[in-house]
Amino acid sequence: INPGYWSEKVRAGRDEIEGFDPDLFEQQVKRYVAHSIRDGEAPRGLGREVTSEIFEQGDISHEAGARAALADFR
């Protein structure tokens, strides 16, 4: 990462840069699962499996880990 290069590209200032937020990721996944369950599109036990495989076993502390946890979820 070249800080000089990126400092020129970021025009709105440092506070405007968005980053990965593990809490927001978890919130969005849970919201999607809840909607799927309510709409009858999710199999029984999906919520437990998502909690176990993604939130407990997966490393969602960073974006790459969160993406991997979603991709590996079966």
PDB file of N, CA and C in Angstrom:
ATOM      1  N   ILE A   1       0.852  -1.176   0.000  1.00  0.00           N
ATOM      2  CA  ILE A   1       0.000   0.000   0.000  1.00  0.00           C
ATOM      3  C   ILE A   1       0.891   1.231   0.000  1.00  0.00           C
ATOM      4  N   ASN A   2       0.590   2.122  -0.896  1.00  0.00           N
ATOM      5  CA  ASN A   2       1.353   3.356  -1.009  1.00  0.00           C
ATOM      6  C   ASN A   2       0.505   4.500  -0.447  1.00  0.00           C
ATOM      7  N   PRO A   3       0.799   4.942   0.771  1.00  0.00           N
ATOM      8  CA  PRO A   3      -0.022   5.993   1.394  1.00  0.00           C
ATOM      9  C   PRO A   3      -0.077   7.285   0.586  1.00  0.00           C
ATOM     10  N   GLY A   4       1.024   7.656  -0.064  1.00  0.00           N
ATOM     11  CA  GLY A   4       1.026   8.876  -0.860  1.00  0.00           C
ATOM     12  C   GLY A   4       0.042   8.807  -2.010  1.00  0.00           C
ATOM     13  N   TYR A   5       0.009   7.667  -2.675  1.00  0.00           N
ATOM     14  CA  TYR A   5      -0.909   7.459  -3.791  1.00  0.00           C
ATOM     15  C   TYR A   5      -2.354   7.572  -3.311  1.00  0.00           C
ATOM     16  N   TRP A   6      -2.668   6.850  -2.228  1.00  0.00           N
ATOM     17  CA  TRP A   6      -4.046   6.835  -1.758  1.00  0.00           C
ATOM     18  C   TRP A   6      -4.469   8.151  -1.127  1.00  0.00           C
ATOM     19  N   SER A   7      -3.544   8.878  -0.547  1.00  0.00           N
ATOM     20  CA  SER A   7      -3.934  10.168   0.028  1.00  0.00           C
ATOM     21  C   SER A   7      -4.395  11.129  -1.053  1.00  0.00           C
ATOM     22  N   GLU A   8      -3.852  10.974  -2.262  1.00  0.00           N
ATOM     23  CA  GLU A   8      -4.306  11.804  -3.379  1.00  0.00           C
ATOM     24  C   GLU A   8      -5.673  11.361  -3.878  1.00  0.00           C
ATOM     25  N   LYS A   9      -5.946  10.063  -3.789  1.00  0.00           N
ATOM     26  CA  LYS A   9      -7.209   9.525  -4.300  1.00  0.00           C
ATOM     27  C   LYS A   9      -8.386   9.797  -3.372  1.00  0.00           C
ATOM     28  N   VAL A  10      -8.127   9.897  -2.086  1.00  0.00           N
ATOM     29  CA  VAL A  10      -9.191  10.129  -1.118  1.00  0.00           C
ATOM     30  C   VAL A  10      -9.403  11.630  -1.002  1.00  0.00           C
ATOM     31  N   ARG A  11     -10.466  12.088  -1.595  1.00  0.00           N
ATOM     32  CA  ARG A  11     -10.715  13.528  -1.643  1.00  0.00           C
ATOM     33  C   ARG A  11     -11.546  14.026  -0.477  1.00  0.00           C
ATOM     34  N   ALA A  12     -12.424  13.197   0.051  1.00  0.00           N
ATOM     35  CA  ALA A  12     -13.348  13.655   1.085  1.00  0.00           C
ATOM     36  C   ALA A  12     -12.734  13.629   2.479  1.00  0.00           C
ATOM     37  N   GLY A  13     -11.568  13.090   2.604  1.00  0.00           N
ATOM     38  CA  GLY A  13     -10.918  13.033   3.912  1.00  0.00           C
ATOM     39  C   GLY A  13     -10.975  11.654   4.514  1.00  0.00           C
ATOM     40  N   ARG A  14     -10.164  11.477   5.498  1.00  0.00           N
ATOM     41  CA  ARG A  14     -10.003  10.166   6.120  1.00  0.00           C
ATOM     42  C   ARG A  14     -11.299   9.641   6.734  1.00  0.00           C
ATOM     43  N   ASP A  15     -12.117  10.501   7.292  1.00  0.00           N
ATOM     44  CA  ASP A  15     -13.347  10.063   7.940  1.00  0.00           C
ATOM     45  C   ASP A  15     -14.371   9.513   6.957  1.00  0.00           C
ATOM     46  N   GLU A  16     -14.214   9.782   5.701  1.00  0.00           N
ATOM     47  CA  GLU A  16     -15.168   9.333   4.693  1.00  0.00           C
ATOM     48  C   GLU A  16     -14.829   7.954   4.130  1.00  0.00           C
ATOM     49  N   ILE A  17     -13.690   7.414   4.473  1.00  0.00           N
ATOM     50  CA  ILE A  17     -13.293   6.101   3.958  1.00  0.00           C
ATOM     51  C   ILE A  17     -14.070   5.029   4.703  1.00  0.00           C
ATOM     52  N   GLU A  18     -14.670   4.127   3.952  1.00  0.00           N
ATOM     53  CA  GLU A  18     -15.416   3.040   4.562  1.00  0.00           C
ATOM     54  C   GLU A  18     -14.530   1.813   4.665  1.00  0.00           C
ATOM     55  N   GLY A  19     -14.684   1.099   5.736  1.00  0.00           N
ATOM     56  CA  GLY A  19     -13.938  -0.129   5.935  1.00  0.00           C
ATOM     57  C   GLY A  19     -14.884  -1.244   6.335  1.00  0.00           C
ATOM     58  N   PHE A  20     -14.352  -2.425   6.469  1.00  0.00           N
ATOM     59  CA  PHE A  20     -15.140  -3.576   6.868  1.00  0.00           C
ATOM     60  C   PHE A  20     -15.486  -3.470   8.349  1.00  0.00           C
ATOM     61  N   ASP A  21     -16.731  -3.756   8.675  1.00  0.00           N
ATOM     62  CA  ASP A  21     -17.196  -3.731  10.058  1.00  0.00           C
ATOM     63  C   ASP A  21     -17.781  -5.105  10.391  1.00  0.00           C
ATOM     64  N   PRO A  22     -17.098  -5.908  11.209  1.00  0.00           N
ATOM     65  CA  PRO A  22     -17.591  -7.250  11.532  1.00  0.00           C
ATOM     66  C   PRO A  22     -18.992  -7.242  12.144  1.00  0.00           C
ATOM     67  N   ASP A  23     -19.299  -6.240  12.957  1.00  0.00           N
ATOM     68  CA  ASP A  23     -20.627  -6.169  13.573  1.00  0.00           C
ATOM     69  C   ASP A  23     -21.708  -5.929  12.526  1.00  0.00           C
ATOM     70  N   LEU A  24     -21.429  -5.049  11.578  1.00  0.00           N
ATOM     71  CA  LEU A  24     -22.383  -4.790  10.508  1.00  0.00           C
ATOM     72  C   LEU A  24     -22.543  -6.023   9.622  1.00  0.00           C
ATOM     73  N   PHE A  25     -21.446  -6.718   9.343  1.00  0.00           N
ATOM     74  CA  PHE A  25     -21.511  -7.961   8.567  1.00  0.00           C
ATOM     75  C   PHE A  25     -22.438  -8.960   9.255  1.00  0.00           C
ATOM     76  N   GLU A  26     -22.226  -9.171  10.546  1.00  0.00           N
ATOM     77  CA  GLU A  26     -23.051 -10.132  11.289  1.00  0.00           C
ATOM     78  C   GLU A  26     -24.516  -9.706  11.279  1.00  0.00           C
ATOM     79  N   GLN A  27     -24.758  -8.425  11.475  1.00  0.00           N
ATOM     80  CA  GLN A  27     -26.123  -7.900  11.470  1.00  0.00           C
ATOM     81  C   GLN A  27     -26.802  -8.149  10.120  1.00  0.00           C
ATOM     82  N   GLN A  28     -26.100  -7.891   9.033  1.00  0.00           N
ATOM     83  CA  GLN A  28     -26.678  -8.064   7.697  1.00  0.00           C
ATOM     84  C   GLN A  28     -26.962  -9.534   7.399  1.00  0.00           C
ATOM     85  N   VAL A  29     -26.036 -10.419   7.772  1.00  0.00           N
ATOM     86  CA  VAL A  29     -26.248 -11.852   7.534  1.00  0.00           C
ATOM     87  C   VAL A  29     -27.444 -12.335   8.347  1.00  0.00           C
ATOM     88  N   LYS A  30     -27.521 -11.937   9.602  1.00  0.00           N
ATOM     89  CA  LYS A  30     -28.644 -12.350  10.444  1.00  0.00           C
ATOM     90  C   LYS A  30     -29.966 -11.826   9.899  1.00  0.00           C
ATOM     91  N   ARG A  31     -29.959 -10.599   9.398  1.00  0.00           N
ATOM     92  CA  ARG A  31     -31.177 -10.027   8.815  1.00  0.00           C
ATOM     93  C   ARG A  31     -31.613 -10.829   7.584  1.00  0.00           C
ATOM     94  N   TYR A  32     -30.652 -11.177   6.736  1.00  0.00           N
ATOM     95  CA  TYR A  32     -30.962 -11.958   5.533  1.00  0.00           C
ATOM     96  C   TYR A  32     -31.524 -13.330   5.918  1.00  0.00           C
ATOM     97  N   VAL A  33     -30.902 -13.984   6.889  1.00  0.00           N
ATOM     98  CA  VAL A  33     -31.369 -15.295   7.332  1.00  0.00           C
ATOM     99  C   VAL A  33     -32.778 -15.189   7.911  1.00  0.00           C
ATOM    100  N   ALA A  34     -33.022 -14.187   8.738  1.00  0.00           N
ATOM    101  CA  ALA A  34     -34.345 -14.008   9.341  1.00  0.00           C
ATOM    102  C   ALA A  34     -35.417 -13.805   8.277  1.00  0.00           C
ATOM    103  N   HIS A  35     -35.116 -13.001   7.269  1.00  0.00           N
ATOM    104  CA  HIS A  35     -36.079 -12.791   6.178  1.00  0.00           C
ATOM    105  C   HIS A  35     -36.320 -14.090   5.420  1.00  0.00           C
ATOM    106  N   SER A  36     -35.284 -14.843   5.181  1.00  0.00           N
ATOM    107  CA  SER A  36     -35.423 -16.114   4.465  1.00  0.00           C
ATOM    108  C   SER A  36     -36.270 -17.095   5.258  1.00  0.00           C
ATOM    109  N   ILE A  37     -36.079 -17.124   6.561  1.00  0.00           N
ATOM    110  CA  ILE A  37     -36.872 -18.013   7.414  1.00  0.00           C
ATOM    111  C   ILE A  37     -38.327 -17.563   7.412  1.00  0.00           C
ATOM    112  N   ARG A  38     -38.566 -16.259   7.585  1.00  0.00           N
ATOM    113  CA  ARG A  38     -39.941 -15.736   7.589  1.00  0.00           C
ATOM    114  C   ARG A  38     -40.658 -15.990   6.274  1.00  0.00           C
ATOM    115  N   ASP A  39     -39.918 -15.897   5.173  1.00  0.00           N
ATOM    116  CA  ASP A  39     -40.524 -16.088   3.856  1.00  0.00           C
ATOM    117  C   ASP A  39     -40.647 -17.556   3.470  1.00  0.00           C
ATOM    118  N   GLY A  40     -40.209 -18.458   4.342  1.00  0.00           N
ATOM    119  CA  GLY A  40     -40.303 -19.886   4.066  1.00  0.00           C
ATOM    120  C   GLY A  40     -39.304 -20.375   3.032  1.00  0.00           C
ATOM    121  N   GLU A  41     -38.245 -19.609   2.800  1.00  0.00           N
ATOM    122  CA  GLU A  41     -37.251 -19.969   1.788  1.00  0.00           C
ATOM    123  C   GLU A  41     -36.045 -20.690   2.380  1.00  0.00           C
ATOM    124  N   ALA A  42     -35.971 -20.769   3.706  1.00  0.00           N
ATOM    125  CA  ALA A  42     -34.798 -21.352   4.362  1.00  0.00           C
ATOM    126  C   ALA A  42     -35.157 -22.705   4.965  1.00  0.00           C
ATOM    127  N   PRO A  43     -34.235 -23.646   4.905  1.00  0.00           N
ATOM    128  CA  PRO A  43     -34.494 -24.945   5.531  1.00  0.00           C
ATOM    129  C   PRO A  43     -34.471 -24.837   7.057  1.00  0.00           C
ATOM    130  N   ARG A  44     -35.109 -25.769   7.691  1.00  0.00           N
ATOM    131  CA  ARG A  44     -35.153 -25.813   9.152  1.00  0.00           C
ATOM    132  C   ARG A  44     -33.730 -25.905   9.714  1.00  0.00           C
ATOM    133  N   GLY A  45     -33.442 -25.133  10.741  1.00  0.00           N
ATOM    134  CA  GLY A  45     -32.138 -25.169  11.391  1.00  0.00           C
ATOM    135  C   GLY A  45     -31.089 -24.269  10.771  1.00  0.00           C
ATOM    136  N   LEU A  46     -31.471 -23.491   9.768  1.00  0.00           N
ATOM    137  CA  LEU A  46     -30.497 -22.630   9.096  1.00  0.00           C
ATOM    138  C   LEU A  46     -29.861 -21.624  10.054  1.00  0.00           C
ATOM    139  N   GLY A  47     -30.652 -21.029  10.909  1.00  0.00           N
ATOM    140  CA  GLY A  47     -30.123 -20.037  11.845  1.00  0.00           C
ATOM    141  C   GLY A  47     -29.028 -20.612  12.727  1.00  0.00           C
ATOM    142  N   ARG A  48     -29.244 -21.815  13.244  1.00  0.00           N
ATOM    143  CA  ARG A  48     -28.231 -22.472  14.085  1.00  0.00           C
ATOM    144  C   ARG A  48     -26.966 -22.752  13.294  1.00  0.00           C
ATOM    145  N   GLU A  49     -27.120 -23.225  12.060  1.00  0.00           N
ATOM    146  CA  GLU A  49     -25.961 -23.542  11.225  1.00  0.00           C
ATOM    147  C   GLU A  49     -25.162 -22.291  10.881  1.00  0.00           C
ATOM    148  N   VAL A  50     -25.845 -21.213  10.557  1.00  0.00           N
ATOM    149  CA  VAL A  50     -25.160 -19.955  10.245  1.00  0.00           C
ATOM    150  C   VAL A  50     -24.388 -19.474  11.465  1.00  0.00           C
ATOM    151  N   THR A  51     -25.033 -19.513  12.622  1.00  0.00           N
ATOM    152  CA  THR A  51     -24.354 -19.087  13.851  1.00  0.00           C
ATOM    153  C   THR A  51     -23.112 -19.923  14.104  1.00  0.00           C
ATOM    154  N   SER A  52     -23.252 -21.228  13.984  1.00  0.00           N
ATOM    155  CA  SER A  52     -22.125 -22.122  14.253  1.00  0.00           C
ATOM    156  C   SER A  52     -21.003 -21.976  13.238  1.00  0.00           C
ATOM    157  N   GLU A  53     -21.339 -22.118  11.958  1.00  0.00           N
ATOM    158  CA  GLU A  53     -20.306 -22.175  10.919  1.00  0.00           C
ATOM    159  C   GLU A  53     -19.713 -20.815  10.553  1.00  0.00           C
ATOM    160  N   ILE A  54     -20.514 -19.787  10.560  1.00  0.00           N
ATOM    161  CA  ILE A  54     -20.010 -18.474  10.132  1.00  0.00           C
ATOM    162  C   ILE A  54     -19.527 -17.651  11.323  1.00  0.00           C
ATOM    163  N   PHE A  55     -20.365 -17.513  12.341  1.00  0.00           N
ATOM    164  CA  PHE A  55     -20.026 -16.605  13.436  1.00  0.00           C
ATOM    165  C   PHE A  55     -19.130 -17.228  14.502  1.00  0.00           C
ATOM    166  N   GLU A  56     -19.263 -18.526  14.753  1.00  0.00           N
ATOM    167  CA  GLU A  56     -18.450 -19.161  15.794  1.00  0.00           C
ATOM    168  C   GLU A  56     -17.172 -19.788  15.239  1.00  0.00           C
ATOM    169  N   GLN A  57     -17.270 -20.471  14.098  1.00  0.00           N
ATOM    170  CA  GLN A  57     -16.101 -21.151  13.544  1.00  0.00           C
ATOM    171  C   GLN A  57     -15.337 -20.293  12.544  1.00  0.00           C
ATOM    172  N   GLY A  58     -16.023 -19.401  11.866  1.00  0.00           N
ATOM    173  CA  GLY A  58     -15.378 -18.552  10.871  1.00  0.00           C
ATOM    174  C   GLY A  58     -14.658 -17.379  11.520  1.00  0.00           C
ATOM    175  N   ASP A  59     -13.680 -16.852  10.823  1.00  0.00           N
ATOM    176  CA  ASP A  59     -12.970 -15.658  11.306  1.00  0.00           C
ATOM    177  C   ASP A  59     -13.519 -14.458  10.554  1.00  0.00           C
ATOM    178  N   ILE A  60     -14.509 -13.817  11.157  1.00  0.00           N
ATOM    179  CA  ILE A  60     -15.150 -12.686  10.488  1.00  0.00           C
ATOM    180  C   ILE A  60     -14.613 -11.357  11.002  1.00  0.00           C
ATOM    181  N   SER A  61     -13.443 -11.374  11.603  1.00  0.00           N
ATOM    182  CA  SER A  61     -12.860 -10.138  12.123  1.00  0.00           C
ATOM    183  C   SER A  61     -12.301  -9.255  11.018  1.00  0.00           C
ATOM    184  N   HIS A  62     -12.194  -9.812   9.806  1.00  0.00           N
ATOM    185  CA  HIS A  62     -11.699  -9.050   8.656  1.00  0.00           C
ATOM    186  C   HIS A  62     -12.488  -9.471   7.420  1.00  0.00           C
ATOM    187  N   GLU A  63     -12.485  -8.636   6.406  1.00  0.00           N
ATOM    188  CA  GLU A  63     -13.322  -8.853   5.226  1.00  0.00           C
ATOM    189  C   GLU A  63     -13.009 -10.158   4.513  1.00  0.00           C
ATOM    190  N   ALA A  64     -11.740 -10.476   4.338  1.00  0.00           N
ATOM    191  CA  ALA A  64     -11.382 -11.706   3.627  1.00  0.00           C
ATOM    192  C   ALA A  64     -11.904 -12.931   4.370  1.00  0.00           C
ATOM    193  N   GLY A  65     -11.807 -12.925   5.687  1.00  0.00           N
ATOM    194  CA  GLY A  65     -12.307 -14.045   6.477  1.00  0.00           C
ATOM    195  C   GLY A  65     -13.819 -14.158   6.398  1.00  0.00           C
ATOM    196  N   ALA A  66     -14.506 -13.034   6.420  1.00  0.00           N
ATOM    197  CA  ALA A  66     -15.965 -13.032   6.323  1.00  0.00           C
ATOM    198  C   ALA A  66     -16.414 -13.550   4.960  1.00  0.00           C
ATOM    199  N   ARG A  67     -15.734 -13.115   3.915  1.00  0.00           N
ATOM    200  CA  ARG A  67     -16.068 -13.604   2.572  1.00  0.00           C
ATOM    201  C   ARG A  67     -15.828 -15.104   2.463  1.00  0.00           C
ATOM    202  N   ALA A  68     -14.728 -15.571   3.045  1.00  0.00           N
ATOM    203  CA  ALA A  68     -14.412 -16.998   3.018  1.00  0.00           C
ATOM    204  C   ALA A  68     -15.455 -17.800   3.794  1.00  0.00           C
ATOM    205  N   ALA A  69     -15.876 -17.291   4.952  1.00  0.00           N
ATOM    206  CA  ALA A  69     -16.883 -17.984   5.755  1.00  0.00           C
ATOM    207  C   ALA A  69     -18.193 -18.117   4.985  1.00  0.00           C
ATOM    208  N   LEU A  70     -18.587 -17.073   4.275  1.00  0.00           N
ATOM    209  CA  LEU A  70     -19.804 -17.147   3.458  1.00  0.00           C
ATOM    210  C   LEU A  70     -19.639 -18.114   2.297  1.00  0.00           C
ATOM    211  N   ALA A  71     -18.498 -18.055   1.640  1.00  0.00           N
ATOM    212  CA  ALA A  71     -18.257 -18.918   0.481  1.00  0.00           C
ATOM    213  C   ALA A  71     -18.206 -20.386   0.881  1.00  0.00           C
ATOM    214  N   ASP A  72     -17.675 -20.668   2.071  1.00  0.00           N
ATOM    215  CA  ASP A  72     -17.531 -22.051   2.533  1.00  0.00           C
ATOM    216  C   ASP A  72     -18.803 -22.603   3.160  1.00  0.00           C
ATOM    217  N   PHE A  73     -19.774 -21.747   3.447  1.00  0.00           N
ATOM    218  CA  PHE A  73     -21.002 -22.194   4.103  1.00  0.00           C
ATOM    219  C   PHE A  73     -21.801 -23.096   3.178  1.00  0.00           C
ATOM    220  N   ARG A  74     -22.181 -24.221   3.705  1.00  0.00           N
ATOM    221  CA  ARG A  74     -22.986 -25.180   2.915  1.00  0.00           C
ATOM    222  C   ARG A  74     -24.286 -25.446   3.610  1.00  0.00           C
TER     223      ARG A  74
END
